PDB file of N, CA and C in Angstrom:
ATOM      1  N   MET A   1     -22.775 -97.595  28.601  1.00  0.00           N
ATOM      2  CA  MET A   1     -22.701 -97.112  29.954  1.00  0.00           C
ATOM      3  C   MET A   1     -24.084 -96.692  30.462  1.00  0.00           C
ATOM      4  N   SER A   2     -24.874 -96.073  29.588  1.00  0.00           N
ATOM      5  CA  SER A   2     -26.209 -95.655  30.016  1.00  0.00           C
ATOM      6  C   SER A   2     -27.107 -96.851  30.295  1.00  0.00           C
ATOM      7  N   VAL A   3     -26.825 -97.987  29.673  1.00  0.00           N
ATOM      8  CA  VAL A   3     -27.590 -99.201  29.953  1.00  0.00           C
ATOM      9  C   VAL A   3     -27.266 -99.696  31.354  1.00  0.00           C
ATOM     10  N   LYS A   4     -25.984 -99.725  31.695  1.00  0.00           N
ATOM     11  CA  LYS A   4     -25.576-100.174  33.030  1.00  0.00           C
ATOM     12  C   LYS A   4     -26.105 -99.252  34.130  1.00  0.00           C
ATOM     13  N   LEU A   5     -26.164 -97.970  33.841  1.00  0.00           N
ATOM     14  CA  LEU A   5     -26.646 -97.004  34.826  1.00  0.00           C
ATOM     15  C   LEU A   5     -28.163 -96.847  34.802  1.00  0.00           C
ATOM     16  N   ASN A   6     -28.810 -97.542  33.861  1.00  0.00           N
ATOM     17  CA  ASN A   6     -30.265 -97.513  33.722  1.00  0.00           C
ATOM     18  C   ASN A   6     -30.792 -96.091  33.478  1.00  0.00           C
ATOM     19  N   LEU A   7     -30.137 -95.386  32.581  1.00  0.00           N
ATOM     20  CA  LEU A   7     -30.539 -94.031  32.213  1.00  0.00           C
ATOM     21  C   LEU A   7     -31.398 -94.097  30.945  1.00  0.00           C
ATOM     22  N   HIS A   8     -32.699 -94.225  31.134  1.00  0.00           N
ATOM     23  CA  HIS A   8     -33.611 -94.422  30.004  1.00  0.00           C
ATOM     24  C   HIS A   8     -33.594 -93.257  29.030  1.00  0.00           C
ATOM     25  N   LYS A   9     -33.655 -92.055  29.543  1.00  0.00           N
ATOM     26  CA  LYS A   9     -33.717 -90.897  28.640  1.00  0.00           C
ATOM     27  C   LYS A   9     -32.447 -90.796  27.800  1.00  0.00           C
ATOM     28  N   ARG A  10     -31.324 -91.109  28.388  1.00  0.00           N
ATOM     29  CA  ARG A  10     -30.063 -91.070  27.650  1.00  0.00           C
ATOM     30  C   ARG A  10     -30.021 -92.187  26.605  1.00  0.00           C
ATOM     31  N   GLN A  11     -30.524 -93.354  26.956  1.00  0.00           N
ATOM     32  CA  GLN A  11     -30.588 -94.460  25.999  1.00  0.00           C
ATOM     33  C   GLN A  11     -31.479 -94.093  24.824  1.00  0.00           C
ATOM     34  N   ILE A  12     -32.617 -93.491  25.118  1.00  0.00           N
ATOM     35  CA  ILE A  12     -33.536 -93.072  24.057  1.00  0.00           C
ATOM     36  C   ILE A  12     -32.866 -92.051  23.152  1.00  0.00           C
ATOM     37  N   TYR A  13     -32.162 -91.115  23.755  1.00  0.00           N
ATOM     38  CA  TYR A  13     -31.455 -90.103  22.967  1.00  0.00           C
ATOM     39  C   TYR A  13     -30.421 -90.757  22.051  1.00  0.00           C
ATOM     40  N   CYS A  14     -29.623 -91.662  22.603  1.00  0.00           N
ATOM     41  CA  CYS A  14     -28.587 -92.332  21.805  1.00  0.00           C
ATOM     42  C   CYS A  14     -29.203 -93.152  20.674  1.00  0.00           C
ATOM     43  N   LEU A  15     -30.286 -93.857  20.977  1.00  0.00           N
ATOM     44  CA  LEU A  15     -30.959 -94.635  19.932  1.00  0.00           C
ATOM     45  C   LEU A  15     -31.538 -93.721  18.859  1.00  0.00           C
ATOM     46  N   SER A  16     -32.047 -92.582  19.259  1.00  0.00           N
ATOM     47  CA  SER A  16     -32.588 -91.627  18.272  1.00  0.00           C
ATOM     48  C   SER A  16     -31.506 -91.151  17.326  1.00  0.00           C
ATOM     49  N   ARG A  17     -30.320 -90.884  17.855  1.00  0.00           N
ATOM     50  CA  ARG A  17     -29.205 -90.461  17.018  1.00  0.00           C
ATOM     51  C   ARG A  17     -28.786 -91.578  16.051  1.00  0.00           C
ATOM     52  N   ILE A  18     -28.760 -92.802  16.558  1.00  0.00           N
ATOM     53  CA  ILE A  18     -28.386 -93.932  15.711  1.00  0.00           C
ATOM     54  C   ILE A  18     -29.434 -94.145  14.622  1.00  0.00           C
ATOM     55  N   ILE A  19     -30.711 -94.031  14.987  1.00  0.00           N
ATOM     56  CA  ILE A  19     -31.785 -94.177  13.991  1.00  0.00           C
ATOM     57  C   ILE A  19     -31.663 -93.110  12.920  1.00  0.00           C
ATOM     58  N   HIS A  20     -31.262 -91.916  13.309  1.00  0.00           N
ATOM     59  CA  HIS A  20     -31.069 -90.848  12.338  1.00  0.00           C
ATOM     60  C   HIS A  20     -29.974 -91.230  11.332  1.00  0.00           C
ATOM     61  N   LEU A  21     -28.940 -91.917  11.827  1.00  0.00           N
ATOM     62  CA  LEU A  21     -27.835 -92.329  10.957  1.00  0.00           C
ATOM     63  C   LEU A  21     -28.147 -93.593  10.163  1.00  0.00           C
ATOM     64  N   GLU A  22     -28.906 -94.510  10.763  1.00  0.00           N
ATOM     65  CA  GLU A  22     -29.253 -95.780  10.124  1.00  0.00           C
ATOM     66  C   GLU A  22     -30.765 -96.030  10.205  1.00  0.00           C
ATOM     67  N   PRO A  23     -31.550 -95.315   9.427  1.00  0.00           N
ATOM     68  CA  PRO A  23     -33.013 -95.441   9.559  1.00  0.00           C
ATOM     69  C   PRO A  23     -33.585 -96.771   9.071  1.00  0.00           C
ATOM     70  N   SER A  24     -32.788 -97.577   8.390  1.00  0.00           N
ATOM     71  CA  SER A  24     -33.321 -98.841   7.885  1.00  0.00           C
ATOM     72  C   SER A  24     -32.969-100.039   8.763  1.00  0.00           C
ATOM     73  N   ASN A  25     -32.376 -99.803   9.927  1.00  0.00           N
ATOM     74  CA  ASN A  25     -32.020-100.893  10.831  1.00  0.00           C
ATOM     75  C   ASN A  25     -33.120-101.065  11.879  1.00  0.00           C
ATOM     76  N   PRO A  26     -33.885-102.145  11.801  1.00  0.00           N
ATOM     77  CA  PRO A  26     -35.040-102.312  12.684  1.00  0.00           C
ATOM     78  C   PRO A  26     -34.702-102.565  14.155  1.00  0.00           C
ATOM     79  N   ILE A  27     -33.509-103.045  14.431  1.00  0.00           N
ATOM     80  CA  ILE A  27     -33.128-103.364  15.810  1.00  0.00           C
ATOM     81  C   ILE A  27     -33.252-102.141  16.712  1.00  0.00           C
ATOM     82  N   TYR A  28     -32.855-100.986  16.216  1.00  0.00           N
ATOM     83  CA  TYR A  28     -32.882 -99.774  17.031  1.00  0.00           C
ATOM     84  C   TYR A  28     -34.308 -99.318  17.332  1.00  0.00           C
ATOM     85  N   TYR A  29     -35.208 -99.504  16.373  1.00  0.00           N
ATOM     86  CA  TYR A  29     -36.611 -99.165  16.619  1.00  0.00           C
ATOM     87  C   TYR A  29     -37.195-100.066  17.703  1.00  0.00           C
ATOM     88  N   GLU A  30     -36.836-101.337  17.654  1.00  0.00           N
ATOM     89  CA  GLU A  30     -37.355-102.270  18.651  1.00  0.00           C
ATOM     90  C   GLU A  30     -36.847-101.919  20.053  1.00  0.00           C
ATOM     91  N   LYS A  31     -35.574-101.599  20.162  1.00  0.00           N
ATOM     92  CA  LYS A  31     -35.017-101.233  21.471  1.00  0.00           C
ATOM     93  C   LYS A  31     -35.642 -99.948  21.997  1.00  0.00           C
ATOM     94  N   ARG A  32     -35.803 -98.967  21.111  1.00  0.00           N
ATOM     95  CA  ARG A  32     -36.393 -97.703  21.565  1.00  0.00           C
ATOM     96  C   ARG A  32     -37.861 -97.887  21.913  1.00  0.00           C
ATOM     97  N   TYR A  33     -38.563 -98.751  21.173  1.00  0.00           N
ATOM     98  CA  TYR A  33     -39.957 -99.081  21.511  1.00  0.00           C
ATOM     99  C   TYR A  33     -40.045 -99.617  22.936  1.00  0.00           C
ATOM    100  N   GLN A  34     -39.152-100.535  23.283  1.00  0.00           N
ATOM    101  CA  GLN A  34     -39.168-101.117  24.625  1.00  0.00           C
ATOM    102  C   GLN A  34     -38.883-100.071  25.696  1.00  0.00           C
ATOM    103  N   LEU A  35     -37.963 -99.168  25.420  1.00  0.00           N
ATOM    104  CA  LEU A  35     -37.669 -98.104  26.384  1.00  0.00           C
ATOM    105  C   LEU A  35     -38.850 -97.151  26.540  1.00  0.00           C
ATOM    106  N   TYR A  36     -39.491 -96.813  25.426  1.00  0.00           N
ATOM    107  CA  TYR A  36     -40.676 -95.952  25.505  1.00  0.00           C
ATOM    108  C   TYR A  36     -41.786 -96.626  26.313  1.00  0.00           C
ATOM    109  N   MET A  37     -41.939 -97.918  26.149  1.00  0.00           N
ATOM    110  CA  MET A  37     -42.961 -98.631  26.929  1.00  0.00           C
ATOM    111  C   MET A  37     -42.624 -98.605  28.420  1.00  0.00           C
ATOM    112  N   GLU A  38     -41.368 -98.771  28.754  1.00  0.00           N
ATOM    113  CA  GLU A  38     -40.961 -98.709  30.155  1.00  0.00           C
ATOM    114  C   GLU A  38     -41.187 -97.318  30.735  1.00  0.00           C
ATOM    115  N   ASP A  39     -41.049 -96.278  29.910  1.00  0.00           N
ATOM    116  CA  ASP A  39     -41.276 -94.903  30.352  1.00  0.00           C
ATOM    117  C   ASP A  39     -42.726 -94.467  30.190  1.00  0.00           C
ATOM    118  N   ASN A  40     -43.597 -95.387  29.764  1.00  0.00           N
ATOM    119  CA  ASN A  40     -45.020 -95.119  29.576  1.00  0.00           C
ATOM    120  C   ASN A  40     -45.276 -93.995  28.559  1.00  0.00           C
ATOM    121  N   GLN A  41     -44.503 -94.008  27.490  1.00  0.00           N
ATOM    122  CA  GLN A  41     -44.693 -93.073  26.386  1.00  0.00           C
ATOM    123  C   GLN A  41     -45.290 -93.859  25.219  1.00  0.00           C
ATOM    124  N   GLN A  42     -46.571 -94.157  25.345  1.00  0.00           N
ATOM    125  CA  GLN A  42     -47.212 -95.088  24.422  1.00  0.00           C
ATOM    126  C   GLN A  42     -47.311 -94.573  22.997  1.00  0.00           C
ATOM    127  N   ASN A  43     -47.530 -93.291  22.820  1.00  0.00           N
ATOM    128  CA  ASN A  43     -47.660 -92.768  21.458  1.00  0.00           C
ATOM    129  C   ASN A  43     -46.350 -92.912  20.693  1.00  0.00           C
ATOM    130  N   ARG A  44     -45.249 -92.602  21.343  1.00  0.00           N
ATOM    131  CA  ARG A  44     -43.946 -92.764  20.702  1.00  0.00           C
ATOM    132  C   ARG A  44     -43.618 -94.240  20.509  1.00  0.00           C
ATOM    133  N   ALA A  45     -43.995 -95.052  21.461  1.00  0.00           N
ATOM    134  CA  ALA A  45     -43.774 -96.498  21.331  1.00  0.00           C
ATOM    135  C   ALA A  45     -44.531 -97.041  20.127  1.00  0.00           C
ATOM    136  N   THR A  46     -45.747 -96.538  19.907  1.00  0.00           N
ATOM    137  CA  THR A  46     -46.547 -96.964  18.761  1.00  0.00           C
ATOM    138  C   THR A  46     -45.833 -96.651  17.455  1.00  0.00           C
ATOM    139  N   SER A  47     -45.285 -95.462  17.355  1.00  0.00           N
ATOM    140  CA  SER A  47     -44.563 -95.076  16.135  1.00  0.00           C
ATOM    141  C   SER A  47     -43.375 -95.985  15.876  1.00  0.00           C
ATOM    142  N   ASP A  48     -42.622 -96.280  16.933  1.00  0.00           N
ATOM    143  CA  ASP A  48     -41.457 -97.140  16.749  1.00  0.00           C
ATOM    144  C   ASP A  48     -41.850 -98.573  16.418  1.00  0.00           C
ATOM    145  N   LEU A  49     -42.915 -99.059  17.031  1.00  0.00           N
ATOM    146  CA  LEU A  49     -43.342-100.423  16.732  1.00  0.00           C
ATOM    147  C   LEU A  49     -43.862-100.529  15.298  1.00  0.00           C
ATOM    148  N   LEU A  50     -44.572 -99.512  14.832  1.00  0.00           N
ATOM    149  CA  LEU A  50     -45.009 -99.500  13.429  1.00  0.00           C
ATOM    150  C   LEU A  50     -43.802 -99.472  12.490  1.00  0.00           C
ATOM    151  N   SER A  51     -42.809 -98.667  12.813  1.00  0.00           N
ATOM    152  CA  SER A  51     -41.601 -98.602  11.988  1.00  0.00           C
ATOM    153  C   SER A  51     -40.880 -99.943  11.985  1.00  0.00           C
ATOM    154  N   PHE A  52     -40.785-100.565  13.152  1.00  0.00           N
ATOM    155  CA  PHE A  52     -40.140-101.869  13.246  1.00  0.00           C
ATOM    156  C   PHE A  52     -40.870-102.894  12.384  1.00  0.00           C
ATOM    157  N   CYS A  53     -42.194-102.919  12.481  1.00  0.00           N
ATOM    158  CA  CYS A  53     -42.984-103.889  11.705  1.00  0.00           C
ATOM    159  C   CYS A  53     -42.911-103.608  10.207  1.00  0.00           C
ATOM    160  N   ARG A  54     -42.843-102.342   9.825  1.00  0.00           N
ATOM    161  CA  ARG A  54     -42.696-102.007   8.408  1.00  0.00           C
ATOM    162  C   ARG A  54     -41.378-102.544   7.852  1.00  0.00           C
ATOM    163  N   LEU A  55     -40.338-102.453   8.658  1.00  0.00           N
ATOM    164  CA  LEU A  55     -39.019-102.885   8.190  1.00  0.00           C
ATOM    165  C   LEU A  55     -38.833-104.395   8.220  1.00  0.00           C
ATOM    166  N   THR A  56     -39.444-105.069   9.173  1.00  0.00           N
ATOM    167  CA  THR A  56     -39.186-106.502   9.331  1.00  0.00           C
ATOM    168  C   THR A  56     -40.338-107.398   8.905  1.00  0.00           C
ATOM    169  N   HIS A  57     -41.538-106.859   8.882  1.00  0.00           N
ATOM    170  CA  HIS A  57     -42.751-107.650   8.641  1.00  0.00           C
ATOM    171  C   HIS A  57     -42.889-108.758   9.683  1.00  0.00           C
ATOM    172  N   ASP A  58     -42.373-108.507  10.879  1.00  0.00           N
ATOM    173  CA  ASP A  58     -42.434-109.475  11.978  1.00  0.00           C
ATOM    174  C   ASP A  58     -43.706-109.238  12.779  1.00  0.00           C
ATOM    175  N   LEU A  59     -44.800-109.774  12.290  1.00  0.00           N
ATOM    176  CA  LEU A  59     -46.067-109.589  12.981  1.00  0.00           C
ATOM    177  C   LEU A  59     -46.374-110.732  13.934  1.00  0.00           C
ATOM    178  N   ASP A  60     -45.626-111.813  13.839  1.00  0.00           N
ATOM    179  CA  ASP A  60     -45.880-112.952  14.723  1.00  0.00           C
ATOM    180  C   ASP A  60     -45.760-112.566  16.183  1.00  0.00           C
ATOM    181  N   HIS A  61     -44.749-111.796  16.509  1.00  0.00           N
ATOM    182  CA  HIS A  61     -44.481-111.449  17.898  1.00  0.00           C
ATOM    183  C   HIS A  61     -45.175-110.163  18.343  1.00  0.00           C
ATOM    184  N   TYR A  62     -45.489-109.273  17.402  1.00  0.00           N
ATOM    185  CA  TYR A  62     -45.911-107.936  17.792  1.00  0.00           C
ATOM    186  C   TYR A  62     -47.323-107.534  17.369  1.00  0.00           C
ATOM    187  N   ILE A  63     -48.064-108.407  16.722  1.00  0.00           N
ATOM    188  CA  ILE A  63     -49.386-108.006  16.230  1.00  0.00           C
ATOM    189  C   ILE A  63     -50.324-107.600  17.359  1.00  0.00           C
ATOM    190  N   SER A  64     -50.323-108.322  18.445  1.00  0.00           N
ATOM    191  CA  SER A  64     -51.241-107.976  19.544  1.00  0.00           C
ATOM    192  C   SER A  64     -50.827-106.675  20.210  1.00  0.00           C
ATOM    193  N   GLN A  65     -49.513-106.458  20.414  1.00  0.00           N
ATOM    194  CA  GLN A  65     -49.067-105.193  21.009  1.00  0.00           C
ATOM    195  C   GLN A  65     -49.338-104.022  20.079  1.00  0.00           C
ATOM    196  N   LEU A  66     -49.140-104.243  18.784  1.00  0.00           N
ATOM    197  CA  LEU A  66     -49.378-103.187  17.809  1.00  0.00           C
ATOM    198  C   LEU A  66     -50.848-102.792  17.795  1.00  0.00           C
ATOM    199  N   TYR A  67     -51.721-103.783  17.795  1.00  0.00           N
ATOM    200  CA  TYR A  67     -53.156-103.504  17.817  1.00  0.00           C
ATOM    201  C   TYR A  67     -53.545-102.784  19.107  1.00  0.00           C
ATOM    202  N   THR A  68     -53.058-103.243  20.235  1.00  0.00           N
ATOM    203  CA  THR A  68     -53.389-102.636  21.527  1.00  0.00           C
ATOM    204  C   THR A  68     -52.911-101.193  21.588  1.00  0.00           C
ATOM    205  N   LEU A  69     -51.686-100.938  21.157  1.00  0.00           N
ATOM    206  CA  LEU A  69     -51.153 -99.574  21.190  1.00  0.00           C
ATOM    207  C   LEU A  69     -51.908 -98.648  20.240  1.00  0.00           C
ATOM    208  N   CYS A  70     -52.165 -99.121  19.034  1.00  0.00           N
ATOM    209  CA  CYS A  70     -52.886 -98.284  18.069  1.00  0.00           C
ATOM    210  C   CYS A  70     -54.291 -97.970  18.555  1.00  0.00           C
ATOM    211  N   THR A  71     -54.939 -98.933  19.174  1.00  0.00           N
ATOM    212  CA  THR A  71     -56.281 -98.702  19.708  1.00  0.00           C
ATOM    213  C   THR A  71     -56.238 -97.728  20.877  1.00  0.00           C
ATOM    214  N   ALA A  72     -55.295 -97.918  21.779  1.00  0.00           N
ATOM    215  CA  ALA A  72     -55.195 -97.050  22.960  1.00  0.00           C
ATOM    216  C   ALA A  72     -54.855 -95.611  22.592  1.00  0.00           C
ATOM    217  N   ASN A  73     -54.120 -95.424  21.505  1.00  0.00           N
ATOM    218  CA  ASN A  73     -53.701 -94.081  21.088  1.00  0.00           C
ATOM    219  C   ASN A  73     -54.521 -93.531  19.927  1.00  0.00           C
ATOM    220  N   HIS A  74     -55.628 -94.195  19.613  1.00  0.00           N
ATOM    221  CA  HIS A  74     -56.540 -93.767  18.545  1.00  0.00           C
ATOM    222  C   HIS A  74     -55.800 -93.635  17.205  1.00  0.00           C
ATOM    223  N   ARG A  75     -54.973 -94.630  16.919  1.00  0.00           N
ATOM    224  CA  ARG A  75     -54.195 -94.627  15.678  1.00  0.00           C
ATOM    225  C   ARG A  75     -54.549 -95.825  14.795  1.00  0.00           C
ATOM    226  N   GLN A  76     -55.802 -96.251  14.858  1.00  0.00           N
ATOM    227  CA  GLN A  76     -56.242 -97.372  14.035  1.00  0.00           C
ATOM    228  C   GLN A  76     -56.094 -97.104  12.542  1.00  0.00           C
ATOM    229  N   PRO A  77     -56.347 -95.869  12.059  1.00  0.00           N
ATOM    230  CA  PRO A  77     -56.163 -95.633  10.617  1.00  0.00           C
ATOM    231  C   PRO A  77     -54.734 -95.919  10.142  1.00  0.00           C
ATOM    232  N   GLU A  78     -53.743 -95.628  10.989  1.00  0.00           N
ATOM    233  CA  GLU A  78     -52.358 -95.929  10.621  1.00  0.00           C
ATOM    234  C   GLU A  78     -52.136 -97.431  10.523  1.00  0.00           C
ATOM    235  N   LEU A  79     -52.727 -98.180  11.445  1.00  0.00           N
ATOM    236  CA  LEU A  79     -52.602 -99.630  11.426  1.00  0.00           C
ATOM    237  C   LEU A  79     -53.272-100.203  10.185  1.00  0.00           C
ATOM    238  N   LEU A  80     -54.452 -99.705   9.862  1.00  0.00           N
ATOM    239  CA  LEU A  80     -55.159-100.160   8.674  1.00  0.00           C
ATOM    240  C   LEU A  80     -54.364 -99.830   7.408  1.00  0.00           C
ATOM    241  N   ALA A  81     -53.804 -98.629   7.348  1.00  0.00           N
ATOM    242  CA  ALA A  81     -52.992 -98.242   6.194  1.00  0.00           C
ATOM    243  C   ALA A  81     -51.760 -99.136   6.074  1.00  0.00           C
ATOM    244  N   PHE A  82     -51.164 -99.487   7.213  1.00  0.00           N
ATOM    245  CA  PHE A  82     -50.003-100.385   7.211  1.00  0.00           C
ATOM    246  C   PHE A  82     -50.357-101.731   6.615  1.00  0.00           C
ATOM    247  N   PHE A  83     -51.492-102.296   7.045  1.00  0.00           N
ATOM    248  CA  PHE A  83     -51.907-103.597   6.514  1.00  0.00           C
ATOM    249  C   PHE A  83     -52.246-103.512   5.030  1.00  0.00           C
ATOM    250  N   GLU A  84     -52.950-102.477   4.642  1.00  0.00           N
ATOM    251  CA  GLU A  84     -53.299-102.331   3.226  1.00  0.00           C
ATOM    252  C   GLU A  84     -52.057-102.141   2.365  1.00  0.00           C
ATOM    253  N   GLU A  85     -51.131-101.354   2.845  1.00  0.00           N
ATOM    254  CA  GLU A  85     -49.907-101.064   2.102  1.00  0.00           C
ATOM    255  C   GLU A  85     -49.038-102.302   1.928  1.00  0.00           C
ATOM    256  N   ASN A  86     -48.946-103.097   2.967  1.00  0.00           N
ATOM    257  CA  ASN A  86     -48.003-104.208   2.951  1.00  0.00           C
ATOM    258  C   ASN A  86     -48.599-105.543   2.551  1.00  0.00           C
ATOM    259  N   TYR A  87     -49.881-105.717   2.727  1.00  0.00           N
ATOM    260  CA  TYR A  87     -50.426-107.054   2.535  1.00  0.00           C
ATOM    261  C   TYR A  87     -51.528-107.154   1.493  1.00  0.00           C
ATOM    262  N   SER A  88     -52.031-106.058   0.971  1.00  0.00           N
ATOM    263  CA  SER A  88     -53.099-106.157  -0.023  1.00  0.00           C
ATOM    264  C   SER A  88     -52.583-106.794  -1.314  1.00  0.00           C
ATOM    265  N   ALA A  89     -51.365-106.447  -1.719  1.00  0.00           N
ATOM    266  CA  ALA A  89     -50.800-107.050  -2.929  1.00  0.00           C
ATOM    267  C   ALA A  89     -50.601-108.553  -2.744  1.00  0.00           C
ATOM    268  N   MET A  90     -50.187-108.961  -1.560  1.00  0.00           N
ATOM    269  CA  MET A  90     -49.983-110.381  -1.280  1.00  0.00           C
ATOM    270  C   MET A  90     -51.306-111.134  -1.327  1.00  0.00           C
ATOM    271  N   ILE A  91     -52.334-110.552  -0.773  1.00  0.00           N
ATOM    272  CA  ILE A  91     -53.653-111.188  -0.779  1.00  0.00           C
ATOM    273  C   ILE A  91     -54.182-111.292  -2.203  1.00  0.00           C
ATOM    274  N   GLN A  92     -54.005-110.253  -3.005  1.00  0.00           N
ATOM    275  CA  GLN A  92     -54.446-110.290  -4.390  1.00  0.00           C
ATOM    276  C   GLN A  92     -53.688-111.355  -5.187  1.00  0.00           C
ATOM    277  N   GLU A  93     -52.397-111.482  -4.955  1.00  0.00           N
ATOM    278  CA  GLU A  93     -51.598-112.482  -5.664  1.00  0.00           C
ATOM    279  C   GLU A  93     -52.029-113.893  -5.275  1.00  0.00           C
ATOM    280  N   LEU A  94     -52.265-114.126  -3.997  1.00  0.00           N
ATOM    281  CA  LEU A  94     -52.735-115.442  -3.561  1.00  0.00           C
ATOM    282  C   LEU A  94     -54.110-115.750  -4.144  1.00  0.00           C
ATOM    283  N   SER A  95     -54.968-114.749  -4.192  1.00  0.00           N
ATOM    284  CA  SER A  95     -56.292-114.947  -4.787  1.00  0.00           C
ATOM    285  C   SER A  95     -56.162-115.319  -6.260  1.00  0.00           C
ATOM    286  N   ARG A  96     -55.249-114.664  -6.955  1.00  0.00           N
ATOM    287  CA  ARG A  96     -55.037-114.964  -8.378  1.00  0.00           C
ATOM    288  C   ARG A  96     -54.491-116.379  -8.543  1.00  0.00           C
ATOM    289  N   ILE A  97     -53.542-116.758  -7.715  1.00  0.00           N
ATOM    290  CA  ILE A  97     -52.937-118.096  -7.815  1.00  0.00           C
ATOM    291  C   ILE A  97     -53.973-119.189  -7.559  1.00  0.00           C
ATOM    292  N   PHE A  98     -54.799-118.994  -6.552  1.00  0.00           N
ATOM    293  CA  PHE A  98     -55.778-120.020  -6.182  1.00  0.00           C
ATOM    294  C   PHE A  98     -57.098-119.871  -6.903  1.00  0.00           C
ATOM    295  N   GLY A  99     -57.215-118.868  -7.783  1.00  0.00           N
ATOM    296  CA  GLY A  99     -58.424-118.696  -8.571  1.00  0.00           C
ATOM    297  C   GLY A  99     -59.625-118.220  -7.777  1.00  0.00           C
ATOM    298  N   ILE A 100     -59.375-117.451  -6.723  1.00  0.00           N
ATOM    299  CA  ILE A 100     -60.457-116.911  -5.906  1.00  0.00           C
ATOM    300  C   ILE A 100     -60.810-115.540  -6.463  1.00  0.00           C
ATOM    301  N   PRO A 101     -62.084-115.316  -6.828  1.00  0.00           N
ATOM    302  CA  PRO A 101     -62.461-114.008  -7.374  1.00  0.00           C
ATOM    303  C   PRO A 101     -62.385-112.917  -6.303  1.00  0.00           C
ATOM    304  N   ASN A 102     -62.053-111.712  -6.738  1.00  0.00           N
ATOM    305  CA  ASN A 102     -61.966-110.574  -5.796  1.00  0.00           C
ATOM    306  C   ASN A 102     -63.315-110.058  -5.415  1.00  0.00           C
TER     307      ASN A 102
END
């Protein structure tokens, strides 16, 4: 009903409650990210987009938005930590497979 009435704050509240109950479902983070962007709450949108990317590893669609938001909100260290946490092991494994020295 809040979607039909275009009540952003109520939608955000409902999504927050659902995320509290199901923190591993990335769909809710993505929806709340979009609502935060529409409400121009970039810092909160950044947090949700990082959470979404952590859960899905879907960087094809969101890498440019993630970089832009992290830069605009001075959260580059979080972005760097995300990449190191999620992709350093993959890079090391590929280097080992292809015989590329570290």
